Amino acid sequence: MLAPGQPAPDFAVPDETGRQHTLADHAGRTLVLWFYPKADTPG
């Protein structure tokens, strides 16, 4: 979790259209990020 005023780490992820999004693009907003396991991962 980042404290207010801390710089966002260097992190980018493409959306379904291929546009790159970085954490710095969303400064001042609350974000929830989640990651899905691969389909072949047990459990």
PDB file of N, CA and C in Angstrom:
ATOM      1  N   MET A   1       0.849  -1.172   0.000  1.00  0.00           N
ATOM      2  CA  MET A   1       0.000   0.000   0.000  1.00  0.00           C
ATOM      3  C   MET A   1       0.895   1.235   0.000  1.00  0.00           C
ATOM      4  N   LEU A   2       0.554   2.200  -0.818  1.00  0.00           N
ATOM      5  CA  LEU A   2       1.308   3.446  -0.891  1.00  0.00           C
ATOM      6  C   LEU A   2       0.707   4.472   0.053  1.00  0.00           C
ATOM      7  N   ALA A   3       1.556   5.181   0.736  1.00  0.00           N
ATOM      8  CA  ALA A   3       1.096   6.289   1.568  1.00  0.00           C
ATOM      9  C   ALA A   3       0.855   7.502   0.671  1.00  0.00           C
ATOM     10  N   PRO A   4      -0.099   8.358   1.030  1.00  0.00           N
ATOM     11  CA  PRO A   4      -0.347   9.546   0.228  1.00  0.00           C
ATOM     12  C   PRO A   4       0.936  10.353   0.024  1.00  0.00           C
ATOM     13  N   GLY A   5       1.159  10.793  -1.189  1.00  0.00           N
ATOM     14  CA  GLY A   5       2.329  11.587  -1.513  1.00  0.00           C
ATOM     15  C   GLY A   5       3.528  10.786  -1.985  1.00  0.00           C
ATOM     16  N   GLN A   6       3.504   9.460  -1.804  1.00  0.00           N
ATOM     17  CA  GLN A   6       4.606   8.625  -2.274  1.00  0.00           C
ATOM     18  C   GLN A   6       4.508   8.473  -3.793  1.00  0.00           C
ATOM     19  N   PRO A   7       5.647   8.437  -4.490  1.00  0.00           N
ATOM     20  CA  PRO A   7       5.588   8.203  -5.934  1.00  0.00           C
ATOM     21  C   PRO A   7       5.159   6.768  -6.239  1.00  0.00           C
ATOM     22  N   ALA A   8       4.418   6.603  -7.308  1.00  0.00           N
ATOM     23  CA  ALA A   8       3.962   5.275  -7.713  1.00  0.00           C
ATOM     24  C   ALA A   8       5.138   4.469  -8.256  1.00  0.00           C
ATOM     25  N   PRO A   9       5.203   3.165  -7.940  1.00  0.00           N
ATOM     26  CA  PRO A   9       6.266   2.343  -8.503  1.00  0.00           C
ATOM     27  C   PRO A   9       6.100   2.216 -10.019  1.00  0.00           C
ATOM     28  N   ASP A  10       7.180   1.876 -10.701  1.00  0.00           N
ATOM     29  CA  ASP A  10       7.152   1.690 -12.142  1.00  0.00           C
ATOM     30  C   ASP A  10       6.409   0.388 -12.440  1.00  0.00           C
ATOM     31  N   PHE A  11       5.185   0.492 -12.904  1.00  0.00           N
ATOM     32  CA  PHE A  11       4.333  -0.668 -13.154  1.00  0.00           C
ATOM     33  C   PHE A  11       3.402  -0.304 -14.298  1.00  0.00           C
ATOM     34  N   ALA A  12       3.307  -1.142 -15.295  1.00  0.00           N
ATOM     35  CA  ALA A  12       2.410  -0.883 -16.423  1.00  0.00           C
ATOM     36  C   ALA A  12       1.744  -2.189 -16.832  1.00  0.00           C
ATOM     37  N   VAL A  13       0.507  -2.082 -17.269  1.00  0.00           N
ATOM     38  CA  VAL A  13      -0.236  -3.255 -17.721  1.00  0.00           C
ATOM     39  C   VAL A  13      -1.149  -2.819 -18.871  1.00  0.00           C
ATOM     40  N   PRO A  14      -1.256  -3.639 -19.920  1.00  0.00           N
ATOM     41  CA  PRO A  14      -2.147  -3.284 -21.023  1.00  0.00           C
ATOM     42  C   PRO A  14      -3.587  -3.694 -20.711  1.00  0.00           C
ATOM     43  N   ASP A  15      -4.548  -2.905 -21.206  1.00  0.00           N
ATOM     44  CA  ASP A  15      -5.952  -3.305 -21.069  1.00  0.00           C
ATOM     45  C   ASP A  15      -6.339  -4.142 -22.290  1.00  0.00           C
ATOM     46  N   GLU A  16      -7.623  -4.465 -22.399  1.00  0.00           N
ATOM     47  CA  GLU A  16      -8.064  -5.347 -23.486  1.00  0.00           C
ATOM     48  C   GLU A  16      -7.894  -4.719 -24.867  1.00  0.00           C
ATOM     49  N   THR A  17      -7.743  -3.400 -24.951  1.00  0.00           N
ATOM     50  CA  THR A  17      -7.516  -2.738 -26.242  1.00  0.00           C
ATOM     51  C   THR A  17      -6.034  -2.583 -26.551  1.00  0.00           C
ATOM     52  N   GLY A  18      -5.155  -2.944 -25.606  1.00  0.00           N
ATOM     53  CA  GLY A  18      -3.728  -2.846 -25.810  1.00  0.00           C
ATOM     54  C   GLY A  18      -3.120  -1.555 -25.286  1.00  0.00           C
ATOM     55  N   ARG A  19      -3.941  -0.636 -24.769  1.00  0.00           N
ATOM     56  CA  ARG A  19      -3.425   0.624 -24.223  1.00  0.00           C
ATOM     57  C   ARG A  19      -2.708   0.352 -22.904  1.00  0.00           C
ATOM     58  N   GLN A  20      -1.504   0.882 -22.755  1.00  0.00           N
ATOM     59  CA  GLN A  20      -0.723   0.702 -21.524  1.00  0.00           C
ATOM     60  C   GLN A  20      -1.222   1.650 -20.439  1.00  0.00           C
ATOM     61  N   HIS A  21      -1.453   1.123 -19.256  1.00  0.00           N
ATOM     62  CA  HIS A  21      -1.851   1.913 -18.099  1.00  0.00           C
ATOM     63  C   HIS A  21      -0.759   1.797 -17.046  1.00  0.00           C
ATOM     64  N   THR A  22      -0.403   2.910 -16.418  1.00  0.00           N
ATOM     65  CA  THR A  22       0.570   2.902 -15.337  1.00  0.00           C
ATOM     66  C   THR A  22      -0.108   3.389 -14.068  1.00  0.00           C
ATOM     67  N   LEU A  23       0.492   3.097 -12.920  1.00  0.00           N
ATOM     68  CA  LEU A  23      -0.069   3.575 -11.660  1.00  0.00           C
ATOM     69  C   LEU A  23      -0.067   5.096 -11.612  1.00  0.00           C
ATOM     70  N   ALA A  24       0.951   5.723 -12.194  1.00  0.00           N
ATOM     71  CA  ALA A  24       1.032   7.185 -12.183  1.00  0.00           C
ATOM     72  C   ALA A  24      -0.137   7.823 -12.945  1.00  0.00           C
ATOM     73  N   ASP A  25      -0.739   7.099 -13.908  1.00  0.00           N
ATOM     74  CA  ASP A  25      -1.902   7.617 -14.645  1.00  0.00           C
ATOM     75  C   ASP A  25      -3.099   7.826 -13.726  1.00  0.00           C
ATOM     76  N   HIS A  26      -3.120   7.135 -12.598  1.00  0.00           N
ATOM     77  CA  HIS A  26      -4.282   7.144 -11.706  1.00  0.00           C
ATOM     78  C   HIS A  26      -3.971   7.817 -10.372  1.00  0.00           C
ATOM     79  N   ALA A  27      -3.043   8.751 -10.374  1.00  0.00           N
ATOM     80  CA  ALA A  27      -2.657   9.445  -9.141  1.00  0.00           C
ATOM     81  C   ALA A  27      -3.873  10.112  -8.506  1.00  0.00           C
ATOM     82  N   GLY A  28      -4.004   9.946  -7.190  1.00  0.00           N
ATOM     83  CA  GLY A  28      -5.105  10.551  -6.456  1.00  0.00           C
ATOM     84  C   GLY A  28      -6.369   9.719  -6.421  1.00  0.00           C
ATOM     85  N   ARG A  29      -6.359   8.550  -7.034  1.00  0.00           N
ATOM     86  CA  ARG A  29      -7.536   7.677  -7.053  1.00  0.00           C
ATOM     87  C   ARG A  29      -7.239   6.404  -6.266  1.00  0.00           C
ATOM     88  N   THR A  30      -8.284   5.752  -5.796  1.00  0.00           N
ATOM     89  CA  THR A  30      -8.144   4.459  -5.134  1.00  0.00           C
ATOM     90  C   THR A  30      -8.262   3.370  -6.197  1.00  0.00           C
ATOM     91  N   LEU A  31      -7.289   2.474  -6.223  1.00  0.00           N
ATOM     92  CA  LEU A  31      -7.281   1.386  -7.196  1.00  0.00           C
ATOM     93  C   LEU A  31      -7.286   0.047  -6.485  1.00  0.00           C
ATOM     94  N   VAL A  32      -7.963  -0.915  -7.075  1.00  0.00           N
ATOM     95  CA  VAL A  32      -7.915  -2.294  -6.614  1.00  0.00           C
ATOM     96  C   VAL A  32      -7.380  -3.116  -7.777  1.00  0.00           C
ATOM     97  N   LEU A  33      -6.266  -3.796  -7.554  1.00  0.00           N
ATOM     98  CA  LEU A  33      -5.663  -4.644  -8.577  1.00  0.00           C
ATOM     99  C   LEU A  33      -5.759  -6.089  -8.131  1.00  0.00           C
ATOM    100  N   TRP A  34      -6.134  -6.957  -9.036  1.00  0.00           N
ATOM    101  CA  TRP A  34      -6.150  -8.380  -8.710  1.00  0.00           C
ATOM    102  C   TRP A  34      -5.598  -9.142  -9.900  1.00  0.00           C
ATOM    103  N   PHE A  35      -5.062 -10.304  -9.589  1.00  0.00           N
ATOM    104  CA  PHE A  35      -4.440 -11.142 -10.601  1.00  0.00           C
ATOM    105  C   PHE A  35      -5.059 -12.528 -10.540  1.00  0.00           C
ATOM    106  N   TYR A  36      -5.391 -13.064 -11.692  1.00  0.00           N
ATOM    107  CA  TYR A  36      -5.959 -14.409 -11.762  1.00  0.00           C
ATOM    108  C   TYR A  36      -4.840 -15.416 -11.949  1.00  0.00           C
ATOM    109  N   PRO A  37      -4.929 -16.571 -11.264  1.00  0.00           N
ATOM    110  CA  PRO A  37      -3.932 -17.615 -11.509  1.00  0.00           C
ATOM    111  C   PRO A  37      -4.139 -18.221 -12.890  1.00  0.00           C
ATOM    112  N   LYS A  38      -3.108 -18.842 -13.399  1.00  0.00           N
ATOM    113  CA  LYS A  38      -3.237 -19.539 -14.683  1.00  0.00           C
ATOM    114  C   LYS A  38      -4.256 -20.658 -14.535  1.00  0.00           C
ATOM    115  N   ALA A  39      -4.921 -20.988 -15.626  1.00  0.00           N
ATOM    116  CA  ALA A  39      -5.972 -22.010 -15.601  1.00  0.00           C
ATOM    117  C   ALA A  39      -5.424 -23.371 -15.207  1.00  0.00           C
ATOM    118  N   ASP A  40      -4.159 -23.636 -15.503  1.00  0.00           N
ATOM    119  CA  ASP A  40      -3.605 -24.965 -15.196  1.00  0.00           C
ATOM    120  C   ASP A  40      -2.976 -25.036 -13.807  1.00  0.00           C
ATOM    121  N   THR A  41      -3.149 -23.966 -12.995  1.00  0.00           N
ATOM    122  CA  THR A  41      -2.608 -23.966 -11.639  1.00  0.00           C
ATOM    123  C   THR A  41      -3.523 -24.763 -10.717  1.00  0.00           C
ATOM    124  N   PRO A  42      -3.025 -25.751  -9.990  1.00  0.00           N
ATOM    125  CA  PRO A  42      -3.903 -26.503  -9.084  1.00  0.00           C
ATOM    126  C   PRO A  42      -4.438 -25.618  -7.961  1.00  0.00           C
ATOM    127  N   GLY A  43      -5.660 -25.907  -7.544  1.00  0.00           N
ATOM    128  CA  GLY A  43      -6.249 -25.198  -6.425  1.00  0.00           C
ATOM    129  C   GLY A  43      -7.089 -24.088  -6.878  1.00  0.00           C
TER     130      GLY A  43
END
